Full PDB file with SEQRES, HELIX, SHEET, SSBOND, CRYST1, ORIGX, SCALE, CONECT and MASTER records, all heavy atoms in Angstrom:
SEQRES   1 A   36  ALA GLY HIS PHE ARG VAL SER GLU ALA ALA VAL SER LYS          
SEQRES   2 A   36  ARG LEU LYS ARG LEU ARG ALA TYR GLN LEU PRO GLU SER          
SEQRES   3 A   36  PHE ASP LYS LEU THR LEU LYS GLN GLN LYS                      
HELIX    1 AA1 GLU A    8  ALA A   20  1                                  13    
HELIX    2 AA2 GLU A   25  LYS A   29  5                                   5    
HELIX    3 AA3 LEU A   32  GLN A   35  1                                   4    
CRYST1    1.000    1.000    1.000  90.00  90.00  90.00 P 1           1          
ORIGX1      1.000000  0.000000  0.000000        0.00000                         
ORIGX2      0.000000  1.000000  0.000000        0.00000                         
ORIGX3      0.000000  0.000000  1.000000        0.00000                         
SCALE1      1.000000  0.000000  0.000000        0.00000                         
SCALE2      0.000000  1.000000  0.000000        0.00000                         
SCALE3      0.000000  0.000000  1.000000        0.00000                         
ATOM      1  N   ALA A   1       4.735   5.189  19.790  1.00  0.00           N  
ATOM      2  CA  ALA A   1       5.426   4.011  19.293  1.00  0.00           C  
ATOM      3  C   ALA A   1       5.388   2.687  20.139  1.00  0.00           C  
ATOM      4  O   ALA A   1       5.045   1.614  19.660  1.00  0.00           O  
ATOM      5  CB  ALA A   1       6.986   4.352  18.935  1.00  0.00           C  
ATOM      6  N   GLY A   2       5.569   2.980  21.476  1.00  0.00           N  
ATOM      7  CA  GLY A   2       5.376   1.920  22.296  1.00  0.00           C  
ATOM      8  C   GLY A   2       4.043   1.234  22.295  1.00  0.00           C  
ATOM      9  O   GLY A   2       3.890   0.061  22.433  1.00  0.00           O  
ATOM     10  N   HIS A   3       2.920   2.095  22.324  1.00  0.00           N  
ATOM     11  CA  HIS A   3       1.672   1.692  22.300  1.00  0.00           C  
ATOM     12  C   HIS A   3       1.348   0.784  21.193  1.00  0.00           C  
ATOM     13  O   HIS A   3       0.677  -0.216  21.197  1.00  0.00           O  
ATOM     14  CB  HIS A   3       0.743   2.856  22.280  1.00  0.00           C  
ATOM     15  CG  HIS A   3      -0.760   2.478  22.135  1.00  0.00           C  
ATOM     16  ND1 HIS A   3      -1.502   2.074  23.252  1.00  0.00           N  
ATOM     17  CD2 HIS A   3      -1.596   2.600  21.065  1.00  0.00           C  
ATOM     18  CE1 HIS A   3      -2.745   1.728  22.752  1.00  0.00           C  
ATOM     19  NE2 HIS A   3      -2.755   2.155  21.551  1.00  0.00           N  
ATOM     20  N   PHE A   4       1.785   1.079  19.892  1.00  0.00           N  
ATOM     21  CA  PHE A   4       1.563   0.555  18.763  1.00  0.00           C  
ATOM     22  C   PHE A   4       2.613  -0.693  18.338  1.00  0.00           C  
ATOM     23  O   PHE A   4       2.538  -1.385  17.406  1.00  0.00           O  
ATOM     24  CB  PHE A   4       1.419   1.435  17.546  1.00  0.00           C  
ATOM     25  CG  PHE A   4       0.213   2.219  17.451  1.00  0.00           C  
ATOM     26  CD1 PHE A   4       0.364   3.672  17.670  1.00  0.00           C  
ATOM     27  CD2 PHE A   4      -0.977   1.697  17.236  1.00  0.00           C  
ATOM     28  CE1 PHE A   4      -0.846   4.378  17.791  1.00  0.00           C  
ATOM     29  CE2 PHE A   4      -2.169   2.437  17.307  1.00  0.00           C  
ATOM     30  CZ  PHE A   4      -2.085   3.918  17.508  1.00  0.00           C  
ATOM     31  N   ARG A   5       3.638  -0.738  19.314  1.00  0.00           N  
ATOM     32  CA  ARG A   5       4.746  -1.783  19.084  1.00  0.00           C  
ATOM     33  C   ARG A   5       5.527  -1.609  17.867  1.00  0.00           C  
ATOM     34  O   ARG A   5       5.693  -2.567  17.077  1.00  0.00           O  
ATOM     35  CB  ARG A   5       4.097  -3.169  19.180  1.00  0.00           C  
ATOM     36  CG  ARG A   5       3.591  -3.438  20.535  1.00  0.00           C  
ATOM     37  CD  ARG A   5       3.284  -4.953  20.781  1.00  0.00           C  
ATOM     38  NE  ARG A   5       2.481  -4.994  22.013  1.00  0.00           N  
ATOM     39  CZ  ARG A   5       1.355  -5.673  22.205  1.00  0.00           C  
ATOM     40  NH1 ARG A   5       0.748  -6.154  21.131  1.00  0.00           N  
ATOM     41  NH2 ARG A   5       0.688  -5.765  23.261  1.00  0.00           N  
ATOM     42  N   VAL A   6       5.767  -0.235  17.506  1.00  0.00           N  
ATOM     43  CA  VAL A   6       6.632   0.034  16.370  1.00  0.00           C  
ATOM     44  C   VAL A   6       7.658   0.995  16.765  1.00  0.00           C  
ATOM     45  O   VAL A   6       7.770   1.451  17.969  1.00  0.00           O  
ATOM     46  CB  VAL A   6       5.726   0.722  15.150  1.00  0.00           C  
ATOM     47  CG1 VAL A   6       4.664  -0.204  14.633  1.00  0.00           C  
ATOM     48  CG2 VAL A   6       5.158   2.050  15.741  1.00  0.00           C  
ATOM     49  N   SER A   7       8.661   1.174  15.891  1.00  0.00           N  
ATOM     50  CA  SER A   7       9.754   2.164  16.161  1.00  0.00           C  
ATOM     51  C   SER A   7       9.281   3.560  16.300  1.00  0.00           C  
ATOM     52  O   SER A   7       8.300   3.892  15.654  1.00  0.00           O  
ATOM     53  CB  SER A   7      10.840   1.993  15.172  1.00  0.00           C  
ATOM     54  OG  SER A   7      10.455   2.373  13.868  1.00  0.00           O  
ATOM     55  N   GLU A   8      10.050   4.366  16.939  1.00  0.00           N  
ATOM     56  CA  GLU A   8       9.725   5.812  16.970  1.00  0.00           C  
ATOM     57  C   GLU A   8       9.802   6.457  15.567  1.00  0.00           C  
ATOM     58  O   GLU A   8       9.048   7.352  15.200  1.00  0.00           O  
ATOM     59  CB  GLU A   8      10.664   6.482  18.016  1.00  0.00           C  
ATOM     60  CG  GLU A   8      10.358   7.821  18.279  1.00  0.00           C  
ATOM     61  CD  GLU A   8      11.236   8.490  19.321  1.00  0.00           C  
ATOM     62  OE1 GLU A   8      11.867   7.804  19.922  1.00  0.00           O  
ATOM     63  OE2 GLU A   8      11.192   9.796  19.342  1.00  0.00           O  
ATOM     64  N   ALA A   9      10.796   5.920  14.810  1.00  0.00           N  
ATOM     65  CA  ALA A   9      10.968   6.364  13.425  1.00  0.00           C  
ATOM     66  C   ALA A   9       9.667   6.074  12.542  1.00  0.00           C  
ATOM     67  O   ALA A   9       9.389   6.898  11.706  1.00  0.00           O  
ATOM     68  CB  ALA A   9      12.154   5.673  12.773  1.00  0.00           C  
ATOM     69  N   ALA A  10       9.044   5.044  12.797  1.00  0.00           N  
ATOM     70  CA  ALA A  10       7.870   4.781  12.041  1.00  0.00           C  
ATOM     71  C   ALA A  10       6.754   5.646  12.334  1.00  0.00           C  
ATOM     72  O   ALA A  10       6.000   6.039  11.433  1.00  0.00           O  
ATOM     73  CB  ALA A  10       7.416   3.234  12.286  1.00  0.00           C  
ATOM     74  N   VAL A  11       6.595   5.993  13.599  1.00  0.00           N  
ATOM     75  CA  VAL A  11       5.582   7.009  14.008  1.00  0.00           C  
ATOM     76  C   VAL A  11       5.921   8.480  13.505  1.00  0.00           C  
ATOM     77  O   VAL A  11       5.103   9.085  12.775  1.00  0.00           O  
ATOM     78  CB  VAL A  11       5.510   7.123  15.596  1.00  0.00           C  
ATOM     79  CG1 VAL A  11       4.707   8.362  15.988  1.00  0.00           C  
ATOM     80  CG2 VAL A  11       5.030   5.861  16.256  1.00  0.00           C  
ATOM     81  N   SER A  12       7.222   8.716  13.403  1.00  0.00           N  
ATOM     82  CA  SER A  12       7.544  10.008  12.853  1.00  0.00           C  
ATOM     83  C   SER A  12       7.429   9.962  11.364  1.00  0.00           C  
ATOM     84  O   SER A  12       6.817  11.076  10.857  1.00  0.00           O  
ATOM     85  CB  SER A  12       9.106  10.185  13.201  1.00  0.00           C  
ATOM     86  OG  SER A  12       9.558  11.489  12.629  1.00  0.00           O  
ATOM     87  N   LYS A  13       7.647   9.003  10.685  1.00  0.00           N  
ATOM     88  CA  LYS A  13       7.404   8.899   9.296  1.00  0.00           C  
ATOM     89  C   LYS A  13       5.968   9.022   8.992  1.00  0.00           C  
ATOM     90  O   LYS A  13       5.654   9.685   8.029  1.00  0.00           O  
ATOM     91  CB  LYS A  13       8.103   7.616   8.697  1.00  0.00           C  
ATOM     92  CG  LYS A  13       8.248   7.521   7.226  1.00  0.00           C  
ATOM     93  CD  LYS A  13       8.989   6.336   6.915  1.00  0.00           C  
ATOM     94  CE  LYS A  13       9.032   6.008   5.312  1.00  0.00           C  
ATOM     95  NZ  LYS A  13       9.893   4.853   4.934  1.00  0.00           N  
ATOM     96  N   ARG A  14       5.163   8.279   9.719  1.00  0.00           N  
ATOM     97  CA  ARG A  14       3.688   8.293   9.489  1.00  0.00           C  
ATOM     98  C   ARG A  14       3.100   9.740   9.706  1.00  0.00           C  
ATOM     99  O   ARG A  14       2.278  10.238   8.995  1.00  0.00           O  
ATOM    100  CB  ARG A  14       3.070   7.224  10.352  1.00  0.00           C  
ATOM    101  CG  ARG A  14       1.509   7.117   9.963  1.00  0.00           C  
ATOM    102  CD  ARG A  14       1.434   6.495   8.682  1.00  0.00           C  
ATOM    103  NE  ARG A  14       0.008   6.659   8.271  1.00  0.00           N  
ATOM    104  CZ  ARG A  14      -0.427   6.823   6.987  1.00  0.00           C  
ATOM    105  NH1 ARG A  14       0.537   6.717   6.062  1.00  0.00           N  
ATOM    106  NH2 ARG A  14      -1.669   6.962   6.746  1.00  0.00           N  
ATOM    107  N   LEU A  15       3.657  10.384  10.736  1.00  0.00           N  
ATOM    108  CA  LEU A  15       3.204  11.751  10.967  1.00  0.00           C  
ATOM    109  C   LEU A  15       3.546  12.761   9.939  1.00  0.00           C  
ATOM    110  O   LEU A  15       2.742  13.586   9.584  1.00  0.00           O  
ATOM    111  CB  LEU A  15       3.827  12.121  12.442  1.00  0.00           C  
ATOM    112  CG  LEU A  15       3.152  13.411  13.112  1.00  0.00           C  
ATOM    113  CD1 LEU A  15       1.773  13.329  13.193  1.00  0.00           C  
ATOM    114  CD2 LEU A  15       3.936  13.643  14.242  1.00  0.00           C  
ATOM    115  N   LYS A  16       4.708  12.589   9.376  1.00  0.00           N  
ATOM    116  CA  LYS A  16       5.178  13.444   8.356  1.00  0.00           C  
ATOM    117  C   LYS A  16       4.308  13.312   7.035  1.00  0.00           C  
ATOM    118  O   LYS A  16       3.908  14.211   6.338  1.00  0.00           O  
ATOM    119  CB  LYS A  16       6.649  13.217   7.888  1.00  0.00           C  
ATOM    120  CG  LYS A  16       7.561  13.790   8.825  1.00  0.00           C  
ATOM    121  CD  LYS A  16       9.071  13.570   8.336  1.00  0.00           C  
ATOM    122  CE  LYS A  16      10.048  14.078   9.429  1.00  0.00           C  
ATOM    123  NZ  LYS A  16      11.417  13.828   8.979  1.00  0.00           N  
ATOM    124  N   ARG A  17       3.958  11.855   6.755  1.00  0.00           N  
ATOM    125  CA  ARG A  17       3.119  11.764   5.538  1.00  0.00           C  
ATOM    126  C   ARG A  17       1.613  12.268   5.768  1.00  0.00           C  
ATOM    127  O   ARG A  17       1.158  12.905   4.916  1.00  0.00           O  
ATOM    128  CB  ARG A  17       3.032  10.161   5.386  1.00  0.00           C  
ATOM    129  CG  ARG A  17       4.156   9.701   4.629  1.00  0.00           C  
ATOM    130  CD  ARG A  17       3.911   8.215   4.213  1.00  0.00           C  
ATOM    131  NE  ARG A  17       5.199   7.630   3.698  1.00  0.00           N  
ATOM    132  CZ  ARG A  17       5.486   6.469   3.523  1.00  0.00           C  
ATOM    133  NH1 ARG A  17       4.623   5.575   4.107  1.00  0.00           N  
ATOM    134  NH2 ARG A  17       6.476   6.071   2.936  1.00  0.00           N  
ATOM    135  N   LEU A  18       1.110  12.126   6.994  1.00  0.00           N  
ATOM    136  CA  LEU A  18      -0.126  12.873   7.287  1.00  0.00           C  
ATOM    137  C   LEU A  18      -0.143  14.368   7.143  1.00  0.00           C  
ATOM    138  O   LEU A  18      -1.064  14.941   6.528  1.00  0.00           O  
ATOM    139  CB  LEU A  18      -0.636  12.373   8.608  1.00  0.00           C  
ATOM    140  CG  LEU A  18      -1.015  10.879   8.808  1.00  0.00           C  
ATOM    141  CD1 LEU A  18      -1.373  10.615  10.307  1.00  0.00           C  
ATOM    142  CD2 LEU A  18      -2.123  10.593   7.962  1.00  0.00           C  
ATOM    143  N   ARG A  19       0.775  14.882   7.643  1.00  0.00           N  
ATOM    144  CA  ARG A  19       0.977  16.394   7.573  1.00  0.00           C  
ATOM    145  C   ARG A  19       1.123  16.913   6.207  1.00  0.00           C  
ATOM    146  O   ARG A  19       0.761  18.041   5.853  1.00  0.00           O  
ATOM    147  CB  ARG A  19       2.117  16.867   8.494  1.00  0.00           C  
ATOM    148  CG  ARG A  19       1.710  16.779   9.865  1.00  0.00           C  
ATOM    149  CD  ARG A  19       2.752  17.263  10.843  1.00  0.00           C  
ATOM    150  NE  ARG A  19       2.320  17.209  12.287  1.00  0.00           N  
ATOM    151  CZ  ARG A  19       3.283  17.217  13.296  1.00  0.00           C  
ATOM    152  NH1 ARG A  19       4.438  17.206  13.047  1.00  0.00           N  
ATOM    153  NH2 ARG A  19       2.767  17.137  14.506  1.00  0.00           N  
ATOM    154  N   ALA A  20       1.753  16.115   5.372  1.00  0.00           N  
ATOM    155  CA  ALA A  20       2.151  16.441   3.997  1.00  0.00           C  
ATOM    156  C   ALA A  20       0.693  16.474   3.193  1.00  0.00           C  
ATOM    157  O   ALA A  20       0.613  17.375   2.271  1.00  0.00           O  
ATOM    158  CB  ALA A  20       2.943  15.477   3.291  1.00  0.00           C  
ATOM    159  N   TYR A  21      -0.368  15.842   3.659  1.00  0.00           N  
ATOM    160  CA  TYR A  21      -1.639  15.949   2.982  1.00  0.00           C  
ATOM    161  C   TYR A  21      -2.558  16.876   3.474  1.00  0.00           C  
ATOM    162  O   TYR A  21      -3.580  17.036   3.023  1.00  0.00           O  
ATOM    163  CB  TYR A  21      -2.266  14.514   2.829  1.00  0.00           C  
ATOM    164  CG  TYR A  21      -1.430  13.550   2.110  1.00  0.00           C  
ATOM    165  CD1 TYR A  21      -0.652  12.472   2.602  1.00  0.00           C  
ATOM    166  CD2 TYR A  21      -1.436  13.662   0.648  1.00  0.00           C  
ATOM    167  CE1 TYR A  21       0.002  11.658   1.788  1.00  0.00           C  
ATOM    168  CE2 TYR A  21      -0.777  12.869  -0.191  1.00  0.00           C  
ATOM    169  CZ  TYR A  21      -0.092  11.819   0.435  1.00  0.00           C  
ATOM    170  OH  TYR A  21       0.690  10.987  -0.305  1.00  0.00           O  
ATOM    171  N   GLN A  22      -2.113  17.585   4.529  1.00  0.00           N  
ATOM    172  CA  GLN A  22      -3.081  18.572   5.229  1.00  0.00           C  
ATOM    173  C   GLN A  22      -2.766  19.900   4.465  1.00  0.00           C  
ATOM    174  O   GLN A  22      -1.661  20.232   4.044  1.00  0.00           O  
ATOM    175  CB  GLN A  22      -2.791  18.749   6.630  1.00  0.00           C  
ATOM    176  CG  GLN A  22      -3.097  17.640   7.525  1.00  0.00           C  
ATOM    177  CD  GLN A  22      -2.779  17.801   8.994  1.00  0.00           C  
ATOM    178  OE1 GLN A  22      -1.914  18.536   9.353  1.00  0.00           O  
ATOM    179  NE2 GLN A  22      -3.557  17.167   9.798  1.00  0.00           N  
ATOM    180  N   LEU A  23      -3.836  20.732   4.370  1.00  0.00           N  
ATOM    181  CA  LEU A  23      -3.669  22.006   3.852  1.00  0.00           C  
ATOM    182  C   LEU A  23      -3.054  22.947   4.816  1.00  0.00           C  
ATOM    183  O   LEU A  23      -3.230  22.811   6.025  1.00  0.00           O  
ATOM    184  CB  LEU A  23      -5.128  22.527   3.410  1.00  0.00           C  
ATOM    185  CG  LEU A  23      -5.753  21.876   2.350  1.00  0.00           C  
ATOM    186  CD1 LEU A  23      -7.179  22.468   2.091  1.00  0.00           C  
ATOM    187  CD2 LEU A  23      -4.980  22.059   0.972  1.00  0.00           C  
ATOM    188  N   PRO A  24      -2.160  23.857   4.380  1.00  0.00           N  
ATOM    189  CA  PRO A  24      -1.512  24.803   5.369  1.00  0.00           C  
ATOM    190  C   PRO A  24      -2.576  25.596   6.111  1.00  0.00           C  
ATOM    191  O   PRO A  24      -3.692  25.773   5.694  1.00  0.00           O  
ATOM    192  CB  PRO A  24      -0.732  25.746   4.411  1.00  0.00           C  
ATOM    193  CG  PRO A  24      -0.665  25.166   3.087  1.00  0.00           C  
ATOM    194  CD  PRO A  24      -1.782  24.102   2.987  1.00  0.00           C  
ATOM    195  N   GLU A  25      -2.155  26.076   7.184  1.00  0.00           N  
ATOM    196  CA  GLU A  25      -3.101  26.899   8.125  1.00  0.00           C  
ATOM    197  C   GLU A  25      -3.618  28.085   7.420  1.00  0.00           C  
ATOM    198  O   GLU A  25      -4.629  28.610   7.641  1.00  0.00           O  
ATOM    199  CB  GLU A  25      -2.294  27.198   9.448  1.00  0.00           C  
ATOM    200  CG  GLU A  25      -2.146  26.066  10.371  1.00  0.00           C  
ATOM    201  CD  GLU A  25      -1.373  26.515  11.641  1.00  0.00           C  
ATOM    202  OE1 GLU A  25      -1.554  27.768  11.995  1.00  0.00           O  
ATOM    203  OE2 GLU A  25      -0.794  25.639  12.306  1.00  0.00           O  
ATOM    204  N   SER A  26      -2.825  28.717   6.449  1.00  0.00           N  
ATOM    205  CA  SER A  26      -3.247  29.925   5.838  1.00  0.00           C  
ATOM    206  C   SER A  26      -4.511  29.623   4.973  1.00  0.00           C  
ATOM    207  O   SER A  26      -5.234  30.709   4.640  1.00  0.00           O  
ATOM    208  CB  SER A  26      -2.144  30.396   4.892  1.00  0.00           C  
ATOM    209  OG  SER A  26      -1.725  29.336   4.057  1.00  0.00           O  
ATOM    210  N   PHE A  27      -4.895  28.423   4.798  1.00  0.00           N  
ATOM    211  CA  PHE A  27      -6.114  28.059   4.037  1.00  0.00           C  
ATOM    212  C   PHE A  27      -7.317  28.323   4.882  1.00  0.00           C  
ATOM    213  O   PHE A  27      -8.494  28.458   4.275  1.00  0.00           O  
ATOM    214  CB  PHE A  27      -6.176  26.644   3.493  1.00  0.00           C  
ATOM    215  CG  PHE A  27      -5.520  26.507   2.167  1.00  0.00           C  
ATOM    216  CD1 PHE A  27      -4.148  26.781   1.841  1.00  0.00           C  
ATOM    217  CD2 PHE A  27      -6.437  26.093   1.060  1.00  0.00           C  
ATOM    218  CE1 PHE A  27      -3.643  26.671   0.564  1.00  0.00           C  
ATOM    219  CE2 PHE A  27      -5.890  26.089  -0.280  1.00  0.00           C  
ATOM    220  CZ  PHE A  27      -4.502  26.350  -0.435  1.00  0.00           C  
ATOM    221  N   ASP A  28      -7.040  28.347   6.274  1.00  0.00           N  
ATOM    222  CA  ASP A  28      -8.263  28.540   7.073  1.00  0.00           C  
ATOM    223  C   ASP A  28      -9.045  29.810   6.928  1.00  0.00           C  
ATOM    224  O   ASP A  28     -10.155  30.124   7.259  1.00  0.00           O  
ATOM    225  CB  ASP A  28      -7.780  28.404   8.553  1.00  0.00           C  
ATOM    226  CG  ASP A  28      -7.440  26.984   8.955  1.00  0.00           C  
ATOM    227  OD1 ASP A  28      -7.769  25.977   8.112  1.00  0.00           O  
ATOM    228  OD2 ASP A  28      -6.653  26.801   9.764  1.00  0.00           O  
ATOM    229  N   LYS A  29      -8.207  30.921   6.441  1.00  0.00           N  
ATOM    230  CA  LYS A  29      -8.759  32.191   6.271  1.00  0.00           C  
ATOM    231  C   LYS A  29      -9.533  32.366   4.875  1.00  0.00           C  
ATOM    232  O   LYS A  29     -10.255  33.334   4.728  1.00  0.00           O  
ATOM    233  CB  LYS A  29      -7.626  33.217   6.188  1.00  0.00           C  
ATOM    234  CG  LYS A  29      -6.765  33.361   7.461  1.00  0.00           C  
ATOM    235  CD  LYS A  29      -5.739  34.450   7.317  1.00  0.00           C  
ATOM    236  CE  LYS A  29      -4.872  34.589   8.523  1.00  0.00           C  
ATOM    237  NZ  LYS A  29      -3.810  35.592   8.394  1.00  0.00           N  
ATOM    238  N   LEU A  30      -9.486  31.342   4.082  1.00  0.00           N  
ATOM    239  CA  LEU A  30     -10.077  31.418   2.846  1.00  0.00           C  
ATOM    240  C   LEU A  30     -11.599  30.735   2.791  1.00  0.00           C  
ATOM    241  O   LEU A  30     -11.665  29.857   3.470  1.00  0.00           O  
ATOM    242  CB  LEU A  30      -9.253  30.751   1.754  1.00  0.00           C  
ATOM    243  CG  LEU A  30      -7.716  31.255   1.596  1.00  0.00           C  
ATOM    244  CD1 LEU A  30      -6.933  30.469   0.487  1.00  0.00           C  
ATOM    245  CD2 LEU A  30      -7.652  32.728   1.313  1.00  0.00           C  
ATOM    246  N   THR A  31     -12.326  31.246   1.700  1.00  0.00           N  
ATOM    247  CA  THR A  31     -13.576  30.648   1.579  1.00  0.00           C  
ATOM    248  C   THR A  31     -13.234  29.405   0.768  1.00  0.00           C  
ATOM    249  O   THR A  31     -12.184  29.107   0.248  1.00  0.00           O  
ATOM    250  CB  THR A  31     -14.447  31.563   0.770  1.00  0.00           C  
ATOM    251  OG1 THR A  31     -13.944  31.757  -0.540  1.00  0.00           O  
ATOM    252  CG2 THR A  31     -14.739  32.838   1.444  1.00  0.00           C  
ATOM    253  N   LEU A  32     -14.324  28.495   0.644  1.00  0.00           N  
ATOM    254  CA  LEU A  32     -14.146  27.215  -0.075  1.00  0.00           C  
ATOM    255  C   LEU A  32     -13.799  27.613  -1.460  1.00  0.00           C  
ATOM    256  O   LEU A  32     -12.889  26.828  -2.186  1.00  0.00           O  
ATOM    257  CB  LEU A  32     -15.380  26.360  -0.031  1.00  0.00           C  
ATOM    258  CG  LEU A  32     -15.674  25.771   1.326  1.00  0.00           C  
ATOM    259  CD1 LEU A  32     -17.045  25.063   1.277  1.00  0.00           C  
ATOM    260  CD2 LEU A  32     -14.609  24.830   1.745  1.00  0.00           C  
ATOM    261  N   LYS A  33     -14.381  28.563  -2.213  1.00  0.00           N  
ATOM    262  CA  LYS A  33     -14.071  28.868  -3.575  1.00  0.00           C  
ATOM    263  C   LYS A  33     -12.636  29.421  -3.673  1.00  0.00           C  
ATOM    264  O   LYS A  33     -11.920  29.174  -4.641  1.00  0.00           O  
ATOM    265  CB  LYS A  33     -15.044  29.890  -4.197  1.00  0.00           C  
ATOM    266  CG  LYS A  33     -16.450  29.178  -4.344  1.00  0.00           C  
ATOM    267  CD  LYS A  33     -17.321  30.165  -4.979  1.00  0.00           C  
ATOM    268  CE  LYS A  33     -18.643  29.468  -5.195  1.00  0.00           C  
ATOM    269  NZ  LYS A  33     -19.610  30.197  -6.014  1.00  0.00           N  
ATOM    270  N   GLN A  34     -12.265  30.244  -2.734  1.00  0.00           N  
ATOM    271  CA  GLN A  34     -10.960  30.703  -2.832  1.00  0.00           C  
ATOM    272  C   GLN A  34      -9.856  29.593  -2.525  1.00  0.00           C  
ATOM    273  O   GLN A  34      -8.771  29.569  -3.155  1.00  0.00           O  
ATOM    274  CB  GLN A  34     -10.610  31.822  -1.688  1.00  0.00           C  
ATOM    275  CG  GLN A  34     -11.332  33.131  -2.036  1.00  0.00           C  
ATOM    276  CD  GLN A  34     -11.215  34.020  -0.744  1.00  0.00           C  
ATOM    277  OE1 GLN A  34     -11.289  33.637   0.400  1.00  0.00           O  
ATOM    278  NE2 GLN A  34     -10.973  35.334  -1.026  1.00  0.00           N  
ATOM    279  N   GLN A  35     -10.208  28.681  -1.716  1.00  0.00           N  
ATOM    280  CA  GLN A  35      -9.313  27.462  -1.448  1.00  0.00           C  
ATOM    281  C   GLN A  35      -9.171  26.650  -2.869  1.00  0.00           C  
ATOM    282  O   GLN A  35      -7.973  26.287  -3.198  1.00  0.00           O  
ATOM    283  CB  GLN A  35      -9.852  26.524  -0.475  1.00  0.00           C  
ATOM    284  CG  GLN A  35      -9.685  27.075   0.970  1.00  0.00           C  
ATOM    285  CD  GLN A  35     -10.363  26.173   1.958  1.00  0.00           C  
ATOM    286  OE1 GLN A  35     -10.876  25.003   1.638  1.00  0.00           O  
ATOM    287  NE2 GLN A  35     -10.220  26.587   3.204  1.00  0.00           N  
ATOM    288  N   LYS A  36     -10.316  26.457  -3.499  1.00  0.00           N  
ATOM    289  CA  LYS A  36     -10.275  25.750  -4.859  1.00  0.00           C  
ATOM    290  C   LYS A  36      -9.487  26.568  -5.823  1.00  0.00           C  
ATOM    291  O   LYS A  36      -8.724  25.934  -6.596  1.00  0.00           O  
ATOM    292  CB  LYS A  36     -11.724  25.588  -5.184  1.00  0.00           C  
ATOM    293  CG  LYS A  36     -11.899  24.612  -6.510  1.00  0.00           C  
ATOM    294  CD  LYS A  36     -13.369  24.360  -6.983  1.00  0.00           C  
ATOM    295  CE  LYS A  36     -13.562  23.429  -7.864  1.00  0.00           C  
ATOM    296  NZ  LYS A  36     -14.827  23.178  -8.295  1.00  0.00           N  
TER     297      LYS A  36                                                      
MASTER        0    0    0    3    0    0    0    6  296    1    0    3          
END                                                                             
């Protein structure tokens, strides 16, 4: 947050949004067709 000159809450909020769009780790065990 200090590096980007924003609040710590802004970094936390941005991180949560990014993680929400990531597939769960359990998807790593699946083939692409199984993921689809």
